[in-house]
Amino acid sequence: MAPTDVRETVRQAMAAAGRPDRAALASDTAATTISELSVPILRGWRLLRFDAVPHPGASFYVAVGPAGVLHLTEEPASFTKVLQAANVTPTSAADAAALARAYVETTRPMTELVRVVGDVDDILWVPRPTPDERRARERASVRLRPVLRPPDAVEEGGSWVATVFVQRGDTVERRTVTIGADRSLTERGKVMARDLPVPYVA
């Protein structure tokens, strides 16, 4: 599908869904750029990010596939619909981890700092720390370095349980995402560190 066709498809879907703001951004080549998050297991579906310039908080993700267009940003239930429409059940830890990472990335709020982290070096730290901030970073790094890791998953009782670490503002969270054999998806979170020295707190 050509970029112009994608934009028109998303524009029409967002307008029909009562999202004129998203529809306008989708069709405006000067206001948005499009990138794709590749998840090969989602056969026939594309996860597209519309980055709004110069207002990144207006950016959003959609899924485009045979069943239509689903708005994903801050709508976790839509990601479950994608799994069900794609008839996808992970058969490996790598596939389950990739799905969990994509779920966290595409359904996160775009109006605040939220990013998947696999190591302390992935955390977005304040670039010019004060002495107190430098010491706080060092203390946090000592605590988090043995804990943080890239997304992974294990099979438990017919479901896949994935772990994804996320920086959210000045906290680091561990997200546990369970993908059921029935293609259901549930999530729970636990804060691993607070009050990190970061550039801003949304």
Protein backbone atom coordinates (compact mmCIF):
# COMPACT_ATOMS: atom_id res chain seq x y z
CA MET A 1 0.00 0.00 0.00
CA ALA A 2 1.46 3.34 -1.07
CA PRO A 3 1.98 6.03 1.60
CA THR A 4 -0.78 8.19 0.12
CA ASP A 5 -3.16 5.24 0.20
CA VAL A 6 -2.23 4.49 3.82
CA ARG A 7 -2.88 8.08 4.82
CA GLU A 8 -6.27 8.11 3.13
CA THR A 9 -7.22 4.76 4.64
CA VAL A 10 -6.33 5.95 8.13
CA ARG A 11 -7.97 9.34 7.57
CA GLN A 12 -11.26 7.73 6.59
CA ALA A 13 -11.14 5.29 9.51
CA MET A 14 -10.37 7.97 12.07
CA ALA A 15 -13.11 10.22 10.72
CA ALA A 16 -15.59 7.35 10.90
CA ALA A 17 -14.47 6.62 14.47
CA GLY A 18 -15.20 10.19 15.53
CA ARG A 19 -11.54 11.21 15.74
CA PRO A 20 -11.33 14.29 13.47
CA ASP A 21 -8.03 15.29 15.12
CA ARG A 22 -6.42 12.00 14.12
CA ALA A 23 -8.02 12.14 10.68
CA ALA A 24 -6.57 15.59 10.03
CA LEU A 25 -3.09 14.54 11.11
CA ALA A 26 -3.18 11.34 9.09
CA SER A 27 -3.82 13.23 5.87
CA ASP A 28 -1.39 16.08 6.49
CA THR A 29 2.02 15.20 5.06
CA ALA A 30 3.52 18.44 6.43
CA ALA A 31 2.35 17.74 9.98
CA THR A 32 3.14 14.04 10.33
CA THR A 33 5.70 11.46 9.30
CA ILE A 34 4.93 7.73 9.24
CA SER A 35 7.09 4.92 10.58
CA GLU A 36 6.32 1.22 10.97
CA LEU A 37 6.95 -1.04 13.94
CA SER A 38 7.75 -4.43 12.45
CA VAL A 39 6.16 -7.44 14.18
CA PRO A 40 6.33 -10.31 11.67
CA ILE A 41 4.03 -12.58 13.67
CA LEU A 42 1.15 -10.15 13.07
CA ARG A 43 0.53 -11.51 9.60
CA GLY A 44 -1.27 -9.02 7.36
CA TRP A 45 -1.22 -6.25 9.95
CA ARG A 46 0.97 -3.15 10.05
CA LEU A 47 1.61 -1.09 13.18
CA LEU A 48 2.04 2.50 12.04
CA ARG A 49 3.18 5.49 14.04
CA PHE A 50 2.14 8.96 12.94
CA ASP A 51 4.65 11.38 14.42
CA ALA A 52 3.27 14.89 14.76
CA VAL A 53 5.64 17.79 14.18
CA PRO A 54 6.19 20.03 16.10
CA HIS A 55 3.73 18.62 18.66
CA PRO A 56 4.90 15.10 19.59
CA GLY A 57 2.15 14.69 22.15
CA ALA A 58 -0.34 14.53 19.28
CA SER A 59 1.44 11.52 17.75
CA PHE A 60 -0.41 8.21 17.65
CA TYR A 61 -0.27 4.55 16.63
CA VAL A 62 -2.75 2.63 14.52
CA ALA A 63 -2.95 -0.95 13.29
CA VAL A 64 -3.89 -1.39 9.63
CA GLY A 65 -4.97 -4.79 8.39
CA PRO A 66 -7.58 -6.85 6.56
CA ALA A 67 -10.22 -6.08 9.19
CA GLY A 68 -9.68 -2.33 8.95
CA VAL A 69 -7.91 0.30 11.04
CA LEU A 70 -7.67 0.23 14.83
CA HIS A 71 -6.50 3.16 16.93
CA LEU A 72 -3.96 1.85 19.47
CA THR A 73 -2.63 4.79 21.49
CA GLU A 74 -4.00 4.51 25.05
CA GLU A 75 -6.41 1.80 23.87
CA PRO A 76 -5.01 -1.57 25.03
CA ALA A 77 -8.21 -3.39 24.07
CA SER A 78 -7.53 -2.53 20.44
CA PHE A 79 -4.26 -4.46 20.52
CA THR A 80 -6.15 -7.53 21.72
CA LYS A 81 -8.50 -7.09 18.77
CA VAL A 82 -5.49 -7.12 16.46
CA LEU A 83 -4.28 -10.41 17.97
CA GLN A 84 -7.70 -11.94 17.52
CA ALA A 85 -8.19 -10.61 13.99
CA ALA A 86 -4.73 -11.81 12.97
CA ASN A 87 -5.48 -15.22 14.54
CA VAL A 88 -2.12 -15.02 16.29
CA THR A 89 -0.91 -17.20 19.14
CA PRO A 90 2.81 -17.04 19.95
CA THR A 91 4.70 -20.29 19.52
CA SER A 92 8.05 -19.08 20.84
CA ALA A 93 9.44 -16.89 23.58
CA ALA A 94 10.83 -14.52 20.96
CA ASP A 95 7.42 -14.01 19.35
CA ALA A 96 5.72 -13.51 22.72
CA ALA A 97 8.35 -10.97 23.80
CA ALA A 98 8.02 -9.10 20.50
CA LEU A 99 4.25 -8.93 20.88
CA ALA A 100 4.51 -7.72 24.48
CA ARG A 101 7.00 -5.04 23.53
CA ALA A 102 4.79 -3.91 20.64
CA TYR A 103 1.77 -3.83 22.94
CA VAL A 104 3.54 -1.64 25.49
CA GLU A 105 4.98 0.65 22.81
CA THR A 106 1.83 1.15 20.73
CA THR A 107 -0.68 1.57 23.54
CA ARG A 108 1.38 3.94 25.69
CA PRO A 109 0.41 7.60 26.16
CA MET A 110 2.26 9.91 23.79
CA THR A 111 1.91 12.95 26.02
CA GLU A 112 4.52 11.79 28.54
CA LEU A 113 7.92 10.14 28.62
CA VAL A 114 7.32 6.39 28.29
CA ARG A 115 9.95 4.13 26.71
CA VAL A 116 10.98 0.49 26.80
CA VAL A 117 14.38 0.04 28.48
CA GLY A 118 16.59 -3.04 28.56
CA ASP A 119 19.56 -1.57 30.42
CA VAL A 120 20.37 1.44 32.57
CA ASP A 121 22.01 3.01 29.50
CA ASP A 122 18.60 3.02 27.79
CA ILE A 123 17.14 5.30 30.47
CA LEU A 124 16.78 8.89 29.37
CA TRP A 125 18.78 10.69 32.06
CA VAL A 126 19.08 14.43 32.60
CA PRO A 127 21.88 15.47 30.21
CA ARG A 128 23.71 17.96 32.46
CA PRO A 129 23.24 16.66 35.99
CA THR A 130 24.03 18.55 39.15
CA PRO A 131 26.28 16.79 41.66
CA ASP A 132 23.20 15.56 43.55
CA GLU A 133 21.61 14.30 40.32
CA ARG A 134 24.84 12.54 39.35
CA ARG A 135 24.93 10.72 42.68
CA ALA A 136 21.24 9.81 42.34
CA ARG A 137 21.93 8.35 38.89
CA GLU A 138 24.83 6.31 40.23
CA ARG A 139 22.72 4.92 43.07
CA ALA A 140 19.85 4.07 40.74
CA SER A 141 22.21 2.43 38.24
CA VAL A 142 23.64 0.17 40.94
CA ARG A 143 20.12 -0.98 41.87
CA LEU A 144 18.77 -1.36 38.35
CA ARG A 145 21.70 -2.75 36.38
CA PRO A 146 21.28 -6.33 37.68
CA VAL A 147 17.51 -6.14 37.14
CA LEU A 148 16.91 -4.57 33.76
CA ARG A 149 16.94 -6.72 30.64
CA PRO A 150 15.39 -6.65 27.17
CA PRO A 151 11.83 -7.98 26.82
CA ASP A 152 11.61 -11.73 27.31
CA ALA A 153 8.91 -14.34 27.88
CA VAL A 154 8.29 -17.77 29.38
CA GLU A 155 5.48 -20.24 28.78
CA GLU A 156 3.25 -20.93 31.77
CA GLY A 157 0.24 -23.22 31.62
CA GLY A 158 -0.54 -22.60 27.97
CA SER A 159 -0.04 -18.82 28.22
CA TRP A 160 3.02 -16.70 27.55
CA VAL A 161 4.15 -14.39 30.35
CA ALA A 162 6.39 -11.59 29.10
CA THR A 163 8.41 -9.08 31.07
CA VAL A 164 9.00 -5.59 29.70
CA PHE A 165 10.82 -2.85 31.61
CA VAL A 166 9.61 0.69 30.98
CA GLN A 167 10.77 4.15 31.91
CA ARG A 168 7.75 6.29 32.70
CA GLY A 169 8.74 9.81 33.59
CA ASP A 170 11.06 9.58 36.59
CA THR A 171 10.17 5.97 37.41
CA VAL A 172 11.14 2.57 36.04
CA GLU A 173 8.40 -0.06 35.98
CA ARG A 174 8.34 -3.77 35.34
CA ARG A 175 5.37 -4.66 33.13
CA THR A 176 4.19 -8.27 33.13
CA VAL A 177 2.15 -8.97 30.01
CA THR A 178 0.27 -12.27 29.78
CA ILE A 179 -0.83 -13.51 26.37
CA GLY A 180 -3.42 -16.25 26.73
CA ALA A 181 -4.01 -19.21 24.47
CA ASP A 182 -7.36 -17.57 23.65
CA ARG A 183 -5.45 -14.49 22.44
CA SER A 184 -6.47 -12.49 25.50
CA LEU A 185 -3.96 -10.02 26.86
CA THR A 186 -3.58 -8.74 30.42
CA GLU A 187 -0.99 -6.52 32.06
CA ARG A 188 0.18 -5.64 35.52
CA GLY A 189 2.93 -3.30 36.61
CA LYS A 190 5.35 -2.80 39.49
CA VAL A 191 7.50 0.26 40.16
CA MET A 192 11.17 -0.69 40.42
CA ALA A 193 12.66 2.79 40.99
CA ARG A 194 11.35 6.29 41.64
CA ASP A 195 12.55 9.88 41.48
CA LEU A 196 15.19 9.31 38.83
CA PRO A 197 17.06 12.40 37.55
CA VAL A 198 15.45 12.76 34.10
CA PRO A 199 15.06 15.71 31.69
CA TYR A 200 11.41 16.30 32.58
CA VAL A 201 8.45 14.71 34.32
CA ALA A 202 5.21 14.90 32.34
